[in-house]
Each structure stands twice: as structure tokens, then as C-alpha cells.
């Protein structure tokens, strides 16, 4: 494999573009749920809703794991359209959506 065919292929770009989309979704979830939002102790949100406000990295991880299971279930159908799309959805999108960098940031603050 030469250097040109390594950098110019469908799989390389699909992973990069879909990883960027996964990061955007993860950051927007983190901003909307965790960045300075305080849960009112007088309101009864229930433990399930309060969990997402106190630990905002859980929702992107749960969403990404669910989507990874969905993409893996329909792997054959996705691969029929494009092998690069399957790699981009699983490695790029779900990999960047379920990253633990948010958790590490919260753990060491």
C-alpha cells in the first residue's frame, strides 16, 4: 500500500467525519445537561433524571453503546451500501461519542 492510497480512501474520511459528528453530539449533551446546571433539591425529578444532571457523561455513553449495538445488529445491511460507512459509524461516531474523556475531566477536577 502506497502513501497516497492510504490517505485517500473512503474509510479514512468516513471515520474522521463521523467522529467529528460524535464529538459534537457528546459536547452538546454535556453542555445542555452538565455545564453549570444545578438540580433543584426541592423538586422531585426522580433518581434517573438527577443521575444525568449530576453525571452528564453517562447519557452520551449510554446513547453510544445503544447505537453501537444497533449498528452491529445491522452490520450486513450497512456493509452492502458501504464498508467505509460501517467503520465510520462504529469506530468514528460511536467511538468518539462514548469516550471517557468527560468522565476523566470530572474525576480530576
Protein backbone atom coordinates (compact mmCIF):
# COMPACT_ATOMS: atom_id res chain seq x y z
CA UNK A 1 0.00 0.00 0.00
CA UNK A 2 1.47 3.30 -1.03
CA UNK A 3 1.13 6.52 0.91
CA UNK A 4 -1.40 8.10 -1.49
CA UNK A 5 -3.87 5.22 -1.28
CA UNK A 6 -3.54 5.22 2.50
CA UNK A 7 -4.59 8.87 2.85
CA UNK A 8 -7.17 8.92 0.06
CA UNK A 9 -9.78 6.29 0.76
CA UNK A 10 -13.39 6.15 1.80
CA UNK A 11 -12.81 4.55 5.19
CA UNK A 12 -10.32 7.16 6.36
CA UNK A 13 -12.63 10.07 5.63
CA UNK A 14 -15.81 8.42 6.89
CA UNK A 15 -14.21 7.68 10.26
CA UNK A 16 -12.94 11.25 10.54
CA UNK A 17 -16.17 12.96 9.56
CA UNK A 18 -18.40 10.75 11.70
CA UNK A 19 -16.01 11.07 14.66
CA UNK A 20 -16.41 14.84 14.44
CA UNK A 21 -20.20 14.39 14.48
CA UNK A 22 -19.95 12.13 17.54
CA UNK A 23 -17.85 14.69 19.39
CA UNK A 24 -20.35 17.45 18.56
CA UNK A 25 -23.23 15.40 19.95
CA UNK A 26 -21.26 14.46 23.08
CA UNK A 27 -20.26 18.05 23.77
CA UNK A 28 -23.79 19.37 23.17
CA UNK A 29 -25.22 16.78 25.59
CA UNK A 30 -22.56 17.70 28.15
CA UNK A 31 -23.29 21.42 27.80
CA UNK A 32 -27.06 21.00 28.00
CA UNK A 33 -27.02 18.62 30.94
CA UNK A 34 -23.89 19.31 32.91
CA UNK A 35 -22.30 22.67 32.35
CA UNK A 36 -23.42 24.63 35.37
CA UNK A 37 -26.94 23.25 35.55
CA UNK A 38 -27.88 22.62 39.14
CA UNK A 39 -30.69 20.26 40.01
CA UNK A 40 -33.15 21.86 42.40
CA UNK A 41 -33.24 19.74 45.53
CA UNK A 42 -36.81 20.78 46.26
CA UNK A 43 -38.09 19.32 43.00
CA UNK A 44 -38.67 15.61 42.70
CA UNK A 45 -37.06 14.73 39.40
CA UNK A 46 -36.50 11.16 40.40
CA UNK A 47 -33.15 9.43 40.67
CA UNK A 48 -32.98 8.56 36.98
CA UNK A 49 -33.23 12.16 35.78
CA UNK A 50 -30.99 13.50 38.57
CA UNK A 51 -28.33 10.98 37.60
CA UNK A 52 -27.93 12.63 34.18
CA UNK A 53 -27.58 16.09 35.68
CA UNK A 54 -25.06 15.06 38.32
CA UNK A 55 -23.06 12.79 35.97
CA UNK A 56 -23.51 14.29 32.47
CA UNK A 57 -21.07 11.86 30.84
CA UNK A 58 -23.45 8.93 31.39
CA UNK A 59 -26.01 9.90 28.75
CA UNK A 60 -23.56 10.04 25.79
CA UNK A 61 -22.04 6.73 26.89
CA UNK A 62 -25.42 5.04 27.14
CA UNK A 63 -26.55 6.50 23.82
CA UNK A 64 -23.32 5.47 22.08
CA UNK A 65 -23.45 1.92 23.44
CA UNK A 66 -27.06 1.56 22.32
CA UNK A 67 -26.21 2.84 18.85
CA UNK A 68 -23.17 0.54 18.65
CA UNK A 69 -25.46 -2.41 19.32
CA UNK A 70 -27.85 -1.17 16.65
CA UNK A 71 -25.09 -0.74 14.06
CA UNK A 72 -23.62 -4.15 14.90
CA UNK A 73 -27.04 -5.76 14.52
CA UNK A 74 -27.46 -4.28 11.05
CA UNK A 75 -23.83 -4.73 10.00
CA UNK A 76 -24.61 -6.69 6.85
CA UNK A 77 -27.11 -4.13 5.58
CA UNK A 78 -24.74 -1.24 6.27
CA UNK A 79 -21.80 -3.06 4.66
CA UNK A 80 -23.84 -3.64 1.49
CA UNK A 81 -24.07 0.09 0.96
CA UNK A 82 -20.54 0.95 2.07
CA UNK A 83 -17.81 -0.67 4.14
CA UNK A 84 -16.45 2.74 4.99
CA UNK A 85 -19.81 3.76 6.39
CA UNK A 86 -19.85 0.86 8.86
CA UNK A 87 -16.33 1.66 10.04
CA UNK A 88 -17.22 5.32 10.32
CA UNK A 89 -20.38 4.66 12.32
CA UNK A 90 -18.81 2.21 14.75
CA UNK A 91 -15.24 3.40 15.13
CA UNK A 92 -15.70 7.09 14.37
CA UNK A 93 -19.16 8.05 15.59
CA UNK A 94 -19.71 5.61 18.47
CA UNK A 95 -16.06 5.67 19.49
CA UNK A 96 -16.00 9.43 19.91
CA UNK A 97 -19.49 9.59 21.39
CA UNK A 98 -18.68 7.09 24.15
CA UNK A 99 -15.26 8.39 25.03
CA UNK A 100 -14.44 8.64 28.69
CA UNK A 101 -12.68 12.00 28.40
CA UNK A 102 -15.66 13.73 30.01
CA UNK A 103 -15.55 11.29 32.89
CA UNK A 104 -11.81 11.82 33.32
CA UNK A 105 -12.29 15.59 33.27
CA UNK A 106 -14.92 15.40 36.03
CA UNK A 107 -12.93 12.87 38.05
CA UNK A 108 -9.80 15.04 38.24
CA UNK A 109 -11.34 18.48 38.76
